Amino acid sequence: MSGNSEWRGSVELGALLDAARKKLESNWLRVGGNITVDLSDAPELWRLCSAISRSNSSLHSRARSTRLDLERFDAWLSHPLNGGLGLIDTLTSQAPLQDKKRIAADKAQVRADALDRARDVLGGGTDREWIEHWIASLLNQDGTLGGRVAVDALEVATKVLAMLPVDGMSLTELAELACGDTKALSAGGAPKLVLDALSLRENVPRPVDPVGIRALW
């Protein structure tokens, strides 16, 4: 087994670690499966892959690419001659690993929860049609909350819509009553979401001029 002193700091080992990081970060940080290695990335990459895989080096020297088993790579790195740290620990020592699958799943759950809260908050009224049309306008084809809709803006808009209609109240007063923040309707996506909902409720085109916007509010 090749000693780590030969490969430590080499472009060859760096290329394998970079490829392994991408694989792990897109695979729940699971050490499993294979990575495809472009052998042109470094002059002796075929030799390192051959040492790790314990395969025929002449095959690697002629090949343009090869597949490297991550469990074998993990075992190779864990050997005392090669540093004694497994793949996860080796990569973490360079820079923190990001579990991109978990991050994406958590974000998706946050958006799903926000959508459920919007339905719950607005679900008590007798006039459901405009609510369903409004919510449908926020969704992707798969029924998830569209990426253009910010979770915070949706929550503000939902709280405001639940308070309407009110008479003789400014937007700052409405924002404070609904959200506890006088500036909740002064910027961001919430005002647009509310106007979209109101135009559906009143069955009128969404206004774009200041006069029409004030009238709809």
Protein backbone atom coordinates (compact mmCIF):
# COMPACT_ATOMS: atom_id res chain seq x y z
CA MET A 1 0.00 0.00 0.00
CA SER A 2 1.45 3.37 -1.00
CA GLY A 3 2.46 5.60 1.91
CA ASN A 4 0.77 8.94 2.38
CA SER A 5 4.15 10.70 2.29
CA GLU A 6 4.18 10.11 -1.46
CA TRP A 7 0.74 11.60 -2.07
CA ARG A 8 0.34 14.14 0.74
CA GLY A 9 -0.36 17.57 -0.77
CA SER A 10 -0.29 16.18 -4.30
CA VAL A 11 -2.61 17.38 -7.04
CA GLU A 12 -3.61 13.76 -7.53
CA LEU A 13 -4.91 13.28 -4.00
CA GLY A 14 -6.44 16.75 -4.09
CA ALA A 15 -8.38 15.85 -7.25
CA LEU A 16 -9.78 12.71 -5.63
CA LEU A 17 -10.74 14.54 -2.44
CA ASP A 18 -12.49 17.29 -4.42
CA ALA A 19 -14.50 14.71 -6.36
CA ALA A 20 -15.31 12.81 -3.17
CA ARG A 21 -16.49 16.01 -1.45
CA LYS A 22 -18.93 16.75 -4.28
CA LYS A 23 -20.24 13.18 -4.14
CA LEU A 24 -20.70 13.13 -0.37
CA GLU A 25 -22.32 16.57 -0.20
CA SER A 26 -24.91 15.49 -2.75
CA ASN A 27 -25.48 12.09 -1.12
CA TRP A 28 -26.43 12.82 2.52
CA LEU A 29 -22.70 12.64 3.47
CA ARG A 30 -22.83 8.90 2.93
CA VAL A 31 -19.58 7.12 2.15
CA GLY A 32 -20.80 4.80 -0.58
CA GLY A 33 -21.02 4.39 -4.30
CA ASN A 34 -18.46 5.45 -6.87
CA ILE A 35 -16.96 8.63 -8.22
CA THR A 36 -15.94 9.02 -11.84
CA VAL A 37 -12.37 10.26 -12.03
CA ASP A 38 -11.06 12.13 -15.07
CA LEU A 39 -7.52 10.79 -15.26
CA SER A 40 -6.35 13.84 -17.21
CA ASP A 41 -6.83 16.01 -14.11
CA ALA A 42 -3.34 15.10 -12.84
CA PRO A 43 -0.34 13.28 -14.37
CA GLU A 44 -0.13 10.41 -11.88
CA LEU A 45 -3.79 10.15 -11.05
CA TRP A 46 -4.08 6.78 -12.72
CA ARG A 47 -1.33 5.44 -10.43
CA LEU A 48 -3.01 6.71 -7.26
CA CYS A 49 -6.35 5.27 -8.32
CA SER A 50 -4.62 2.00 -9.09
CA ALA A 51 -3.05 1.92 -5.63
CA ILE A 52 -6.37 2.62 -3.93
CA SER A 53 -8.34 0.15 -6.04
CA ARG A 54 -5.52 -2.40 -6.10
CA SER A 55 -6.22 -2.87 -9.78
CA ASN A 56 -4.13 -3.29 -12.92
CA SER A 57 -2.10 -0.08 -13.26
CA SER A 58 -1.55 -0.57 -16.99
CA LEU A 59 -5.28 -0.41 -17.55
CA HIS A 60 -5.42 2.90 -15.71
CA SER A 61 -2.45 4.34 -17.58
CA ARG A 62 -4.26 3.84 -20.89
CA ALA A 63 -7.71 4.88 -19.71
CA ARG A 64 -9.19 8.38 -19.89
CA SER A 65 -11.31 7.90 -16.80
CA THR A 66 -12.03 5.36 -14.11
CA ARG A 67 -14.49 4.75 -11.33
CA LEU A 68 -13.30 4.77 -7.76
CA ASP A 69 -15.20 3.07 -4.96
CA LEU A 70 -15.59 5.52 -2.06
CA GLU A 71 -15.51 2.77 0.54
CA ARG A 72 -12.13 1.67 -0.80
CA PHE A 73 -10.93 5.27 -0.78
CA ASP A 74 -12.16 5.63 2.80
CA ALA A 75 -10.32 2.47 3.84
CA TRP A 76 -7.15 3.60 2.06
CA LEU A 77 -7.18 6.96 3.82
CA SER A 78 -7.88 5.26 7.17
CA HIS A 79 -4.74 3.13 6.96
CA PRO A 80 -1.94 4.41 9.22
CA LEU A 81 0.39 4.61 6.21
CA ASN A 82 -2.02 7.02 4.56
CA GLY A 83 -2.77 9.33 7.44
CA GLY A 84 -5.09 7.25 9.60
CA LEU A 85 -8.16 9.45 8.96
CA GLY A 86 -11.19 8.25 7.04
CA LEU A 87 -12.73 10.14 4.16
CA ILE A 88 -15.19 12.19 6.26
CA ASP A 89 -12.51 13.22 8.78
CA THR A 90 -9.99 14.01 6.06
CA LEU A 91 -12.41 16.26 4.21
CA THR A 92 -13.67 17.91 7.40
CA SER A 93 -10.12 18.73 8.40
CA GLN A 94 -9.83 20.76 5.18
CA ALA A 95 -13.23 22.49 5.30
CA PRO A 96 -16.65 21.71 6.80
CA LEU A 97 -18.81 19.36 4.77
CA GLN A 98 -22.25 20.60 3.74
CA ASP A 99 -25.05 18.08 3.74
CA LYS A 100 -26.75 19.67 0.73
CA LYS A 101 -29.46 17.03 0.59
CA ARG A 102 -30.37 17.69 4.23
CA ILE A 103 -30.22 21.47 3.74
CA ALA A 104 -32.53 21.22 0.73
CA ALA A 105 -34.89 18.90 2.60
CA ASP A 106 -35.02 21.27 5.59
CA LYS A 107 -35.77 24.25 3.33
CA ALA A 108 -38.50 22.29 1.58
CA GLN A 109 -40.04 21.41 4.95
CA VAL A 110 -39.98 25.06 6.06
CA ARG A 111 -41.80 26.06 2.86
CA ALA A 112 -44.32 23.24 3.23
CA ASP A 113 -45.01 24.28 6.84
CA ALA A 114 -45.53 27.91 5.78
CA LEU A 115 -48.01 26.81 3.14
CA ASP A 116 -49.90 24.68 5.67
CA ARG A 117 -50.07 27.61 8.11
CA ALA A 118 -51.44 29.88 5.38
CA ARG A 119 -54.20 27.38 4.64
CA ASP A 120 -54.99 26.99 8.33
CA VAL A 121 -55.08 30.73 9.08
CA LEU A 122 -57.32 31.53 6.11
CA GLY A 123 -59.38 28.37 6.22
CA GLY A 124 -62.00 29.55 8.69
CA GLY A 125 -63.84 31.90 6.33
CA THR A 126 -66.95 31.05 4.38
CA ASP A 127 -65.61 32.41 1.08
CA ARG A 128 -63.07 29.77 0.09
CA GLU A 129 -62.89 30.24 -3.66
CA TRP A 130 -60.59 33.28 -3.78
CA ILE A 131 -58.38 31.74 -1.08
CA GLU A 132 -57.93 28.55 -3.10
CA HIS A 133 -57.21 30.55 -6.26
CA TRP A 134 -54.67 32.67 -4.41
CA ILE A 135 -52.89 29.70 -2.87
CA ALA A 136 -52.91 27.90 -6.22
CA SER A 137 -51.18 30.92 -7.78
CA LEU A 138 -48.30 30.46 -5.33
CA LEU A 139 -47.62 26.82 -6.16
CA ASN A 140 -45.33 24.93 -8.49
CA GLN A 141 -46.85 22.26 -10.71
CA ASP A 142 -45.98 19.64 -8.09
CA GLY A 143 -47.99 21.48 -5.42
CA THR A 144 -45.01 22.87 -3.53
CA LEU A 145 -44.60 26.53 -2.67
CA GLY A 146 -42.99 28.36 -5.59
CA GLY A 147 -39.42 29.53 -5.18
CA ARG A 148 -40.39 33.11 -5.97
CA VAL A 149 -42.50 33.26 -2.79
CA ALA A 150 -40.52 34.10 0.34
CA VAL A 151 -41.68 32.29 3.47
CA ASP A 152 -41.55 35.45 5.61
CA ALA A 153 -43.58 37.40 3.04
CA LEU A 154 -46.21 34.66 2.87
CA GLU A 155 -46.57 34.63 6.65
CA VAL A 156 -47.00 38.42 6.78
CA ALA A 157 -49.50 38.40 3.90
CA THR A 158 -51.49 35.61 5.53
CA LYS A 159 -51.74 37.44 8.86
CA VAL A 160 -52.82 40.64 7.11
CA LEU A 161 -55.43 38.90 4.96
CA ALA A 162 -56.86 37.23 8.05
CA MET A 163 -57.51 40.73 9.51
CA LEU A 164 -59.24 42.15 6.44
CA PRO A 165 -61.55 43.86 5.84
CA VAL A 166 -60.92 46.76 8.23
CA ASP A 167 -62.04 50.36 7.93
CA GLY A 168 -60.30 53.61 8.75
CA MET A 169 -56.89 52.04 9.33
CA SER A 170 -53.57 52.95 7.73
CA LEU A 171 -51.19 50.31 6.39
CA THR A 172 -48.78 50.90 9.25
CA GLU A 173 -51.60 50.43 11.75
CA LEU A 174 -52.78 47.31 9.95
CA ALA A 175 -49.25 45.93 9.85
CA GLU A 176 -48.80 46.52 13.57
CA LEU A 177 -52.18 44.97 14.41
CA ALA A 178 -51.60 41.88 12.25
CA CYS A 179 -47.86 41.37 12.69
CA GLY A 180 -46.74 43.56 15.58
CA ASP A 181 -44.48 45.45 13.18
CA THR A 182 -45.43 48.80 11.64
CA LYS A 183 -43.01 48.19 8.75
CA ALA A 184 -44.25 44.71 7.80
CA LEU A 185 -46.05 46.07 4.73
CA SER A 186 -43.57 48.76 3.77
CA ALA A 187 -41.28 46.59 1.64
CA GLY A 188 -40.57 43.05 0.50
CA GLY A 189 -42.93 40.63 -1.16
CA ALA A 190 -45.79 40.75 1.35
CA PRO A 191 -47.61 43.81 -0.10
CA LYS A 192 -47.65 42.22 -3.58
CA LEU A 193 -48.99 38.95 -2.19
CA VAL A 194 -51.77 40.78 -0.36
CA LEU A 195 -52.70 42.77 -3.46
CA ASP A 196 -52.74 39.61 -5.55
CA ALA A 197 -55.11 38.02 -3.03
CA LEU A 198 -57.35 41.09 -2.82
CA SER A 199 -57.65 41.31 -6.60
CA LEU A 200 -58.81 37.69 -6.62
CA ARG A 201 -61.22 38.30 -3.76
CA GLU A 202 -62.71 41.37 -5.45
CA ASN A 203 -62.49 39.76 -8.91
CA VAL A 204 -60.67 42.75 -10.41
CA PRO A 205 -57.37 43.03 -12.29
CA ARG A 206 -54.42 43.64 -10.01
CA PRO A 207 -53.74 47.42 -10.10
CA VAL A 208 -50.27 48.72 -10.95
CA ASP A 209 -50.76 52.46 -10.44
CA PRO A 210 -50.65 54.12 -6.98
CA VAL A 211 -54.27 55.30 -7.15
CA GLY A 212 -55.58 51.83 -8.01
CA ILE A 213 -53.41 50.21 -5.35
CA ARG A 214 -54.71 52.56 -2.66
CA ALA A 215 -58.29 51.93 -3.79
CA LEU A 216 -57.86 48.16 -3.56
CA TRP A 217 -56.29 48.41 -0.12
